[in-house]
Amino acid sequence: MPEKALESRKMAIIIAFRDFRDEEYFIPKQTLEAAGAEIKTVSTSLGTAIGKMGGEARVDLTLDELKVGDYNAVIFIGGPGAAKYIDDSQAHQIARETADSDKVLGAICIAPAILAKAGVLSGKQATVWSSPMDKSAVKILKEEGAKYQSELVVIDGKIITGNGPAAASKFAEAIIEALRKE
């Protein structure tokens, strides 16, 4: 991959203001920035967002300030705090607008459930976080018409889903590859 394959590409990464999953934010952000992308971090509030593991992220924009048309990709990060976005109409609108604009749309961990509830995964292959004790996110995907795959990363067109922290690097690489094809 050329070092600056994503130069002039802009991405919005949406995180929970509290309890986003650190690896799912920091690993893709560093990988995408190393490839030349300009990243804006988006959340419900401005200030310093705090990850589940204590990582800190400066929030550049709030959800209501985000203009999807200004970005090449929108990425939703998981973690316990992201669960509040699953039934959030503003998050759904952002996901629909991104998909309708034929832009790259990413979601990792629990966040693919946000895309499912927004209606953008119907008929699409996708993955999502689950555990032997908690299959609720898989259930949401299936109920919303997604074709669930038990894989680290699933790519269906310009929609890229990852199933958790272990997928963070592969997830970032899939986003880079999708943007290089544009």
Protein backbone atom coordinates (compact mmCIF):
# COMPACT_ATOMS: atom_id res chain seq x y z
CA MET A 1 0.00 0.00 0.00
CA PRO A 2 1.40 3.43 -0.89
CA GLU A 3 2.21 5.33 2.27
CA LYS A 4 -0.33 8.13 1.69
CA ALA A 5 -3.01 6.18 -0.18
CA LEU A 6 -5.75 8.21 1.51
CA GLU A 7 -4.32 11.69 1.12
CA SER A 8 -7.14 14.24 0.74
CA ARG A 9 -9.68 11.73 2.14
CA LYS A 10 -11.75 12.84 5.11
CA MET A 11 -13.37 10.53 7.64
CA ALA A 12 -15.71 11.01 10.55
CA ILE A 13 -15.29 8.53 13.40
CA ILE A 14 -18.26 8.43 15.76
CA ILE A 15 -17.61 7.38 19.36
CA ALA A 16 -19.57 7.36 22.60
CA PHE A 17 -18.59 10.21 24.89
CA ARG A 18 -18.11 7.67 27.66
CA ASP A 19 -17.03 4.04 27.31
CA PHE A 20 -16.11 3.75 23.64
CA ARG A 21 -13.85 0.74 23.01
CA ASP A 22 -10.29 2.11 23.01
CA GLU A 23 -8.66 -0.33 20.54
CA GLU A 24 -11.52 0.01 18.07
CA TYR A 25 -10.99 3.78 17.97
CA PHE A 26 -7.24 4.25 18.37
CA ILE A 27 -5.99 1.45 16.08
CA PRO A 28 -8.13 2.40 13.04
CA LYS A 29 -7.57 6.13 13.65
CA GLN A 30 -3.77 5.70 13.72
CA THR A 31 -3.82 3.36 10.70
CA LEU A 32 -6.05 5.69 8.66
CA GLU A 33 -4.02 8.78 9.59
CA ALA A 34 -0.80 6.96 8.66
CA ALA A 35 -2.38 6.33 5.24
CA GLY A 36 -2.95 10.08 4.89
CA ALA A 37 -6.60 10.44 5.91
CA GLU A 38 -7.89 13.44 7.81
CA ILE A 39 -9.94 12.25 10.79
CA LYS A 40 -12.62 14.14 12.71
CA THR A 41 -13.85 12.56 15.93
CA VAL A 42 -17.59 12.93 16.51
CA SER A 43 -19.66 12.34 19.66
CA THR A 44 -22.66 13.66 21.55
CA SER A 45 -20.59 16.35 23.32
CA LEU A 46 -17.47 18.39 22.68
CA GLY A 47 -14.54 17.93 25.02
CA THR A 48 -12.60 14.83 25.99
CA ALA A 49 -14.30 11.48 25.43
CA ILE A 50 -13.16 8.65 27.70
CA GLY A 51 -12.76 5.07 26.53
CA LYS A 52 -13.70 1.96 28.48
CA MET A 53 -9.98 1.35 29.14
CA GLY A 54 -9.34 5.00 30.08
CA GLY A 55 -8.08 6.32 26.74
CA GLU A 56 -8.85 9.95 25.96
CA ALA A 57 -10.04 11.32 22.63
CA ARG A 58 -10.62 14.96 21.71
CA VAL A 59 -14.05 15.38 20.13
CA ASP A 60 -14.01 17.69 17.09
CA LEU A 61 -17.74 17.77 16.27
CA THR A 62 -21.05 16.80 17.80
CA LEU A 63 -23.46 14.49 15.99
CA ASP A 64 -25.72 17.39 15.08
CA GLU A 65 -22.77 19.30 13.55
CA LEU A 66 -21.72 16.37 11.34
CA LYS A 67 -22.34 16.94 7.63
CA VAL A 68 -22.00 13.54 5.92
CA GLY A 69 -21.38 15.21 2.55
CA ASP A 70 -18.08 16.60 3.85
CA TYR A 71 -16.61 13.11 4.34
CA ASN A 72 -15.50 10.13 2.25
CA ALA A 73 -16.33 7.71 5.06
CA VAL A 74 -18.24 7.56 8.33
CA ILE A 75 -17.21 5.00 10.93
CA PHE A 76 -19.09 3.99 14.08
CA ILE A 77 -16.95 2.66 16.95
CA GLY A 78 -18.27 0.17 19.50
CA GLY A 79 -17.88 -0.36 23.19
CA PRO A 80 -20.44 -0.30 26.02
CA GLY A 81 -21.18 3.40 25.50
CA ALA A 82 -22.08 2.86 21.83
CA ALA A 83 -25.16 0.86 22.85
CA LYS A 84 -27.02 4.14 23.38
CA TYR A 85 -26.73 4.84 19.64
CA ILE A 86 -28.57 1.61 18.71
CA ASP A 87 -31.96 3.34 19.01
CA ASP A 88 -30.74 6.90 18.37
CA SER A 89 -32.57 8.57 15.48
CA GLN A 90 -29.70 10.98 14.79
CA ALA A 91 -27.21 8.10 14.50
CA HIS A 92 -29.68 6.29 12.22
CA GLN A 93 -30.02 9.36 10.00
CA ILE A 94 -26.22 9.65 9.70
CA ALA A 95 -25.93 5.95 8.77
CA ARG A 96 -28.72 6.19 6.17
CA GLU A 97 -27.33 9.38 4.66
CA THR A 98 -23.85 7.82 4.40
CA ALA A 99 -25.20 4.67 2.73
CA ASP A 100 -27.55 6.63 0.44
CA SER A 101 -24.62 8.82 -0.65
CA ASP A 102 -22.65 5.70 -1.64
CA LYS A 103 -19.87 6.55 0.81
CA VAL A 104 -17.86 4.05 2.84
CA LEU A 105 -19.76 3.19 6.02
CA GLY A 106 -17.97 1.29 8.79
CA ALA A 107 -19.08 -0.10 12.14
CA ILE A 108 -17.22 -2.28 14.62
CA CYS A 109 -18.16 -4.26 17.76
CA ILE A 110 -21.74 -3.45 18.83
CA ALA A 111 -21.99 -0.59 16.30
CA PRO A 112 -23.24 -2.73 13.36
CA ALA A 113 -26.48 -2.98 15.39
CA ILE A 114 -26.80 0.80 14.89
CA LEU A 115 -26.56 0.29 11.12
CA ALA A 116 -29.08 -2.55 11.29
CA LYS A 117 -31.60 -0.45 13.21
CA ALA A 118 -31.03 2.37 10.69
CA GLY A 119 -32.15 -0.04 7.96
CA VAL A 120 -28.91 -0.01 5.97
CA LEU A 121 -27.96 -3.67 6.56
CA SER A 122 -31.14 -5.24 5.16
CA GLY A 123 -30.06 -7.85 2.63
CA LYS A 124 -26.38 -7.15 3.37
CA GLN A 125 -23.74 -9.41 4.85
CA ALA A 126 -22.41 -8.12 8.16
CA THR A 127 -20.80 -9.13 11.43
CA VAL A 128 -21.24 -7.80 14.95
CA TRP A 129 -19.87 -8.44 18.44
CA SER A 130 -21.35 -11.31 20.39
CA SER A 131 -20.33 -13.66 23.17
CA PRO A 132 -21.56 -17.06 24.34
CA MET A 133 -23.59 -15.21 27.00
CA ASP A 134 -24.81 -12.31 24.83
CA LYS A 135 -26.12 -12.77 21.30
CA SER A 136 -28.46 -9.75 21.43
CA ALA A 137 -26.61 -7.80 18.72
CA VAL A 138 -26.67 -10.81 16.38
CA LYS A 139 -30.42 -11.02 16.99
CA ILE A 140 -30.82 -7.32 16.07
CA LEU A 141 -28.94 -7.83 12.79
CA LYS A 142 -31.04 -10.85 11.85
CA GLU A 143 -34.33 -9.15 12.83
CA GLU A 144 -33.40 -6.17 10.64
CA GLY A 145 -32.70 -8.38 7.62
CA ALA A 146 -28.90 -8.55 7.69
CA LYS A 147 -27.14 -11.75 6.67
CA TYR A 148 -25.03 -12.32 9.79
CA GLN A 149 -21.54 -13.76 9.28
CA SER A 150 -19.39 -14.96 12.19
CA GLU A 151 -16.19 -13.36 10.86
CA LEU A 152 -13.71 -10.76 12.12
CA VAL A 153 -14.50 -8.36 9.26
CA VAL A 154 -17.24 -8.51 6.63
CA ILE A 155 -17.32 -6.31 3.54
CA ASP A 156 -20.53 -5.89 1.53
CA GLY A 157 -20.07 -3.19 -1.08
CA LYS A 158 -19.08 -0.03 0.77
CA ILE A 159 -20.36 -1.27 4.14
CA ILE A 160 -17.61 -2.68 6.36
CA THR A 161 -18.35 -4.31 9.69
CA GLY A 162 -15.97 -5.68 12.32
CA ASN A 163 -16.85 -7.85 15.30
CA GLY A 164 -14.73 -6.36 18.08
CA PRO A 165 -11.31 -5.26 19.33
CA ALA A 166 -9.48 -8.20 17.72
CA ALA A 167 -10.75 -7.00 14.34
CA ALA A 168 -9.50 -3.39 14.69
CA SER A 169 -6.44 -3.65 12.40
CA LYS A 170 -8.17 -5.73 9.74
CA PHE A 171 -11.18 -3.36 9.93
CA ALA A 172 -8.94 -0.34 9.28
CA GLU A 173 -7.24 -2.11 6.37
CA ALA A 174 -10.62 -2.93 4.81
CA ILE A 175 -11.65 0.75 5.06
CA ILE A 176 -8.42 1.82 3.38
CA GLU A 177 -8.95 -0.70 0.58
CA ALA A 178 -12.54 0.41 0.04
CA LEU A 179 -11.49 4.07 -0.20
CA ARG A 180 -8.64 3.26 -2.60
CA LYS A 181 -11.22 1.78 -4.99
CA GLU A 182 -13.22 5.02 -5.17
